[in-house]
Amino acid sequence: MNFRPGIPRYLQIADAIRRDLKSEGERIPSEHALCATYRVSRPTIRQALDVLVQEGRLYRHAGRGTFATAVAGNDRRLRVIGSIDDIMAMGAETWFEVLTRERMPVPANIAQALRLPPGSHGYRICGVRHGDGGPFQHATAWLPPAIGRRCPTTICPSPSSGSSSGT
């Protein structure tokens, strides 16, 4: 694998594994096999797998291995967000209610992903995403300071109004 500069390797590996997932229940190669495949250390592989577990794409079964979960079908609200087009489509289909917006120290792995220096402060946004059928996702997002300062403290439009309130 040719790694792209400026993007943490574990995120690139997680993307590659995500692309290779074929079906529910599929067994993922062992951590040692993935280390050999991607020529990286075991902690890097574990970080990549942790990303996919947190996304709900993989689950671990102690002593048996790591397996793929069900792949979301055509329900656009259940897809993994990976591109700006996906994010824009999600915004057009749903609305987001901000529950909290806090300025705080950014964890080291998130600072790295956001290309912020270690020890930086940023904004942690927690909220609930709603669709026509009601709330369906609780989400936490970290934003760099320049963006987080501009994020409204609440975004509570009805799906038809498209307005937001607060700053």
C-alpha atoms as a PDB file:
ATOM      1  CA  MET A   1       0.000   0.000   0.000  1.00  0.00           C
ATOM      2  CA  ASN A   2       1.313   3.440  -0.881  1.00  0.00           C
ATOM      3  CA  PHE A   3       0.474   5.682   2.057  1.00  0.00           C
ATOM      4  CA  ARG A   4      -0.590   9.261   1.355  1.00  0.00           C
ATOM      5  CA  PRO A   5       1.311  11.927   3.301  1.00  0.00           C
ATOM      6  CA  GLY A   6      -0.622  14.019   5.811  1.00  0.00           C
ATOM      7  CA  ILE A   7      -3.225  11.337   6.602  1.00  0.00           C
ATOM      8  CA  PRO A   8      -2.568   9.011   9.534  1.00  0.00           C
ATOM      9  CA  ARG A   9      -1.721   5.501   8.344  1.00  0.00           C
ATOM     10  CA  TYR A  10      -4.293   3.873  10.598  1.00  0.00           C
ATOM     11  CA  LEU A  11      -7.067   5.897   8.890  1.00  0.00           C
ATOM     12  CA  GLN A  12      -5.801   4.882   5.447  1.00  0.00           C
ATOM     13  CA  ILE A  13      -5.700   1.242   6.527  1.00  0.00           C
ATOM     14  CA  ALA A  14      -9.219   1.510   7.983  1.00  0.00           C
ATOM     15  CA  ASP A  15     -10.395   2.896   4.604  1.00  0.00           C
ATOM     16  CA  ALA A  16      -8.757  -0.013   2.770  1.00  0.00           C
ATOM     17  CA  ILE A  17     -10.287  -2.627   5.070  1.00  0.00           C
ATOM     18  CA  ARG A  18     -13.695  -0.908   4.832  1.00  0.00           C
ATOM     19  CA  ARG A  19     -13.524  -1.041   1.021  1.00  0.00           C
ATOM     20  CA  ASP A  20     -12.641  -4.743   1.119  1.00  0.00           C
ATOM     21  CA  LEU A  21     -15.583  -5.781   3.332  1.00  0.00           C
ATOM     22  CA  LYS A  22     -17.829  -8.083   1.348  1.00  0.00           C
ATOM     23  CA  SER A  23     -20.526  -9.564   3.571  1.00  0.00           C
ATOM     24  CA  GLU A  24     -21.889  -9.842   7.088  1.00  0.00           C
ATOM     25  CA  GLY A  25     -19.998 -12.325   9.216  1.00  0.00           C
ATOM     26  CA  GLU A  26     -16.898 -12.209   7.013  1.00  0.00           C
ATOM     27  CA  ARG A  27     -13.810 -12.943   9.138  1.00  0.00           C
ATOM     28  CA  ILE A  28     -11.138 -10.261   8.934  1.00  0.00           C
ATOM     29  CA  PRO A  29      -7.488 -11.443   8.776  1.00  0.00           C
ATOM     30  CA  SER A  30      -5.631 -11.566  12.098  1.00  0.00           C
ATOM     31  CA  GLU A  31      -3.796  -8.511  13.387  1.00  0.00           C
ATOM     32  CA  HIS A  32      -0.488 -10.221  12.586  1.00  0.00           C
ATOM     33  CA  ALA A  33      -1.588 -10.930   8.999  1.00  0.00           C
ATOM     34  CA  LEU A  34      -2.744  -7.303   8.602  1.00  0.00           C
ATOM     35  CA  CYS A  35       0.636  -6.106   9.956  1.00  0.00           C
ATOM     36  CA  ALA A  36       2.352  -8.092   7.210  1.00  0.00           C
ATOM     37  CA  THR A  37      -0.080  -6.932   4.528  1.00  0.00           C
ATOM     38  CA  TYR A  38       0.240  -3.223   5.326  1.00  0.00           C
ATOM     39  CA  ARG A  39       3.822  -3.360   6.682  1.00  0.00           C
ATOM     40  CA  VAL A  40       2.965  -1.469   9.859  1.00  0.00           C
ATOM     41  CA  SER A  41       3.113  -2.177  13.591  1.00  0.00           C
ATOM     42  CA  ARG A  42       0.406  -3.951  15.540  1.00  0.00           C
ATOM     43  CA  PRO A  43      -0.675  -0.769  17.410  1.00  0.00           C
ATOM     44  CA  THR A  44      -1.332   0.885  14.017  1.00  0.00           C
ATOM     45  CA  ILE A  45      -3.498  -2.078  12.949  1.00  0.00           C
ATOM     46  CA  ARG A  46      -5.346  -1.985  16.263  1.00  0.00           C
ATOM     47  CA  GLN A  47      -6.100   1.722  15.765  1.00  0.00           C
ATOM     48  CA  ALA A  48      -7.470   1.000  12.281  1.00  0.00           C
ATOM     49  CA  LEU A  49      -9.643  -1.834  13.576  1.00  0.00           C
ATOM     50  CA  ASP A  50     -10.840   0.319  16.496  1.00  0.00           C
ATOM     51  CA  VAL A  51     -12.073   2.925  13.995  1.00  0.00           C
ATOM     52  CA  LEU A  52     -14.118   0.272  12.186  1.00  0.00           C
ATOM     53  CA  VAL A  53     -15.462  -1.200  15.428  1.00  0.00           C
ATOM     54  CA  GLN A  54     -16.538   2.287  16.570  1.00  0.00           C
ATOM     55  CA  GLU A  55     -18.275   2.820  13.218  1.00  0.00           C
ATOM     56  CA  GLY A  56     -20.131  -0.443  13.720  1.00  0.00           C
ATOM     57  CA  ARG A  57     -18.544  -2.035  10.623  1.00  0.00           C
ATOM     58  CA  LEU A  58     -16.670  -4.719  12.608  1.00  0.00           C
ATOM     59  CA  TYR A  59     -17.112  -6.593  15.854  1.00  0.00           C
ATOM     60  CA  ARG A  60     -14.593  -8.611  17.844  1.00  0.00           C
ATOM     61  CA  HIS A  61     -15.214 -11.995  19.393  1.00  0.00           C
ATOM     62  CA  ALA A  62     -12.518 -12.912  21.945  1.00  0.00           C
ATOM     63  CA  GLY A  63     -10.634 -15.997  20.885  1.00  0.00           C
ATOM     64  CA  ARG A  64     -12.391 -16.246  17.519  1.00  0.00           C
ATOM     65  CA  GLY A  65     -11.437 -13.120  15.602  1.00  0.00           C
ATOM     66  CA  THR A  66     -12.833  -9.947  14.092  1.00  0.00           C
ATOM     67  CA  PHE A  67     -15.879 -10.046  11.835  1.00  0.00           C
ATOM     68  CA  ALA A  68     -17.847  -7.734   9.535  1.00  0.00           C
ATOM     69  CA  THR A  69     -21.264  -6.550  10.668  1.00  0.00           C
ATOM     70  CA  ALA A  70     -24.248  -6.230   8.373  1.00  0.00           C
ATOM     71  CA  VAL A  71     -23.632  -3.768   5.562  1.00  0.00           C
ATOM     72  CA  ALA A  72     -26.296  -1.073   5.437  1.00  0.00           C
ATOM     73  CA  GLY A  73     -28.482  -1.474   2.386  1.00  0.00           C
ATOM     74  CA  ASN A  74     -30.051   1.434   0.571  1.00  0.00           C
ATOM     75  CA  ASP A  75     -31.001   3.346   3.721  1.00  0.00           C
ATOM     76  CA  ARG A  76     -28.845   6.419   3.135  1.00  0.00           C
ATOM     77  CA  ARG A  77     -28.973   7.350   6.835  1.00  0.00           C
ATOM     78  CA  LEU A  78     -27.114   4.171   7.772  1.00  0.00           C
ATOM     79  CA  ARG A  79     -24.108   4.509   5.499  1.00  0.00           C
ATOM     80  CA  VAL A  80     -20.593   5.267   6.652  1.00  0.00           C
ATOM     81  CA  ILE A  81     -19.723   8.913   6.052  1.00  0.00           C
ATOM     82  CA  GLY A  82     -16.485   9.134   4.125  1.00  0.00           C
ATOM     83  CA  SER A  83     -16.550  12.018   1.660  1.00  0.00           C
ATOM     84  CA  ILE A  84     -17.714  15.601   1.513  1.00  0.00           C
ATOM     85  CA  ASP A  85     -20.456  14.449  -0.891  1.00  0.00           C
ATOM     86  CA  ASP A  86     -21.702  11.998   1.756  1.00  0.00           C
ATOM     87  CA  ILE A  87     -21.706  14.722   4.403  1.00  0.00           C
ATOM     88  CA  MET A  88     -23.597  17.125   2.124  1.00  0.00           C
ATOM     89  CA  ALA A  89     -26.163  14.435   1.228  1.00  0.00           C
ATOM     90  CA  MET A  90     -26.644  13.609   4.917  1.00  0.00           C
ATOM     91  CA  GLY A  91     -27.287  17.304   5.612  1.00  0.00           C
ATOM     92  CA  ALA A  92     -29.915  17.475   2.884  1.00  0.00           C
ATOM     93  CA  GLU A  93     -31.719  14.351   4.136  1.00  0.00           C
ATOM     94  CA  THR A  94     -31.660  14.941   7.892  1.00  0.00           C
ATOM     95  CA  TRP A  95     -31.266  17.608  10.548  1.00  0.00           C
ATOM     96  CA  PHE A  96     -28.970  17.809  13.567  1.00  0.00           C
ATOM     97  CA  GLU A  97     -29.793  18.984  17.083  1.00  0.00           C
ATOM     98  CA  VAL A  98     -26.736  20.216  18.981  1.00  0.00           C
ATOM     99  CA  LEU A  99     -26.933  19.136  22.606  1.00  0.00           C
ATOM    100  CA  THR A 100     -23.556  20.467  23.779  1.00  0.00           C
ATOM    101  CA  ARG A 101     -20.734  22.543  22.361  1.00  0.00           C
ATOM    102  CA  GLU A 102     -17.629  22.707  24.543  1.00  0.00           C
ATOM    103  CA  ARG A 103     -14.172  24.160  24.020  1.00  0.00           C
ATOM    104  CA  MET A 104     -11.683  21.713  25.487  1.00  0.00           C
ATOM    105  CA  PRO A 105      -8.317  19.968  24.970  1.00  0.00           C
ATOM    106  CA  VAL A 106      -8.417  17.688  21.935  1.00  0.00           C
ATOM    107  CA  PRO A 107      -7.306  14.058  22.480  1.00  0.00           C
ATOM    108  CA  ALA A 108      -3.963  13.354  20.817  1.00  0.00           C
ATOM    109  CA  ASN A 109      -5.292  10.975  18.135  1.00  0.00           C
ATOM    110  CA  ILE A 110      -8.023  13.419  17.148  1.00  0.00           C
ATOM    111  CA  ALA A 111      -5.598  16.360  17.114  1.00  0.00           C
ATOM    112  CA  GLN A 112      -3.422  14.343  14.745  1.00  0.00           C
ATOM    113  CA  ALA A 113      -6.376  13.562  12.451  1.00  0.00           C
ATOM    114  CA  LEU A 114      -7.389  17.261  12.451  1.00  0.00           C
ATOM    115  CA  ARG A 115      -3.753  18.256  11.854  1.00  0.00           C
ATOM    116  CA  LEU A 116      -3.637  20.240  15.083  1.00  0.00           C
ATOM    117  CA  PRO A 117      -0.531  20.433  17.275  1.00  0.00           C
ATOM    118  CA  PRO A 118      -0.503  18.194  20.371  1.00  0.00           C
ATOM    119  CA  GLY A 119      -2.185  19.879  23.335  1.00  0.00           C
ATOM    120  CA  SER A 120      -4.466  21.991  21.131  1.00  0.00           C
ATOM    121  CA  HIS A 121      -7.925  23.061  22.151  1.00  0.00           C
ATOM    122  CA  GLY A 122     -10.915  22.511  19.904  1.00  0.00           C
ATOM    123  CA  TYR A 123     -14.661  22.135  20.105  1.00  0.00           C
ATOM    124  CA  ARG A 124     -16.464  18.918  20.981  1.00  0.00           C
ATOM    125  CA  ILE A 125     -19.980  18.943  19.559  1.00  0.00           C
ATOM    126  CA  CYS A 126     -22.486  16.333  20.771  1.00  0.00           C
ATOM    127  CA  GLY A 127     -25.917  16.013  19.297  1.00  0.00           C
ATOM    128  CA  VAL A 128     -28.692  13.945  17.810  1.00  0.00           C
ATOM    129  CA  ARG A 129     -29.392  13.478  14.103  1.00  0.00           C
ATOM    130  CA  HIS A 130     -33.061  13.320  13.110  1.00  0.00           C
ATOM    131  CA  GLY A 131     -34.818  12.108   9.978  1.00  0.00           C
ATOM    132  CA  ASP A 132     -38.414  11.806   8.907  1.00  0.00           C
ATOM    133  CA  GLY A 133     -38.849   8.816  11.244  1.00  0.00           C
ATOM    134  CA  GLY A 134     -37.446  10.638  14.286  1.00  0.00           C
ATOM    135  CA  PRO A 135     -34.021  10.610  15.969  1.00  0.00           C
ATOM    136  CA  PHE A 136     -31.682   7.859  14.799  1.00  0.00           C
ATOM    137  CA  GLN A 137     -28.107   8.777  15.718  1.00  0.00           C
ATOM    138  CA  HIS A 138     -26.215  10.273  18.632  1.00  0.00           C
ATOM    139  CA  ALA A 139     -22.985  11.793  17.340  1.00  0.00           C
ATOM    140  CA  THR A 140     -19.871  13.422  18.740  1.00  0.00           C
ATOM    141  CA  ALA A 141     -17.707  15.544  16.457  1.00  0.00           C
ATOM    142  CA  TRP A 142     -14.460  17.389  17.113  1.00  0.00           C
ATOM    143  CA  LEU A 143     -13.867  20.647  15.268  1.00  0.00           C
ATOM    144  CA  PRO A 144     -10.782  22.850  14.961  1.00  0.00           C
ATOM    145  CA  PRO A 145     -11.153  26.186  16.787  1.00  0.00           C
ATOM    146  CA  ALA A 146     -11.745  28.288  13.655  1.00  0.00           C
ATOM    147  CA  ILE A 147     -14.739  26.153  12.682  1.00  0.00           C
ATOM    148  CA  GLY A 148     -15.993  25.347  16.191  1.00  0.00           C
ATOM    149  CA  ARG A 149     -16.286  29.034  17.126  1.00  0.00           C
ATOM    150  CA  ARG A 150     -18.747  29.507  14.270  1.00  0.00           C
ATOM    151  CA  CYS A 151     -20.830  26.415  15.038  1.00  0.00           C
ATOM    152  CA  PRO A 152     -24.266  27.330  16.413  1.00  0.00           C
ATOM    153  CA  THR A 153     -24.984  26.269  19.963  1.00  0.00           C
ATOM    154  CA  THR A 154     -28.269  24.759  18.782  1.00  0.00           C
ATOM    155  CA  ILE A 155     -29.520  23.660  15.389  1.00  0.00           C
ATOM    156  CA  CYS A 156     -33.148  22.688  15.775  1.00  0.00           C
ATOM    157  CA  PRO A 157     -34.967  23.254  12.501  1.00  0.00           C
ATOM    158  CA  SER A 158     -37.961  21.252  11.500  1.00  0.00           C
ATOM    159  CA  PRO A 159     -37.079  19.224   8.391  1.00  0.00           C
ATOM    160  CA  SER A 160     -39.066  21.665   6.245  1.00  0.00           C
ATOM    161  CA  SER A 161     -37.752  24.971   7.654  1.00  0.00           C
ATOM    162  CA  GLY A 162     -34.013  24.413   7.235  1.00  0.00           C
ATOM    163  CA  SER A 163     -33.259  27.266   9.662  1.00  0.00           C
ATOM    164  CA  SER A 164     -30.898  27.301  12.609  1.00  0.00           C
ATOM    165  CA  SER A 165     -30.741  29.362  15.750  1.00  0.00           C
ATOM    166  CA  GLY A 166     -28.015  30.476  18.121  1.00  0.00           C
ATOM    167  CA  THR A 167     -24.292  31.119  17.630  1.00  0.00           C
END
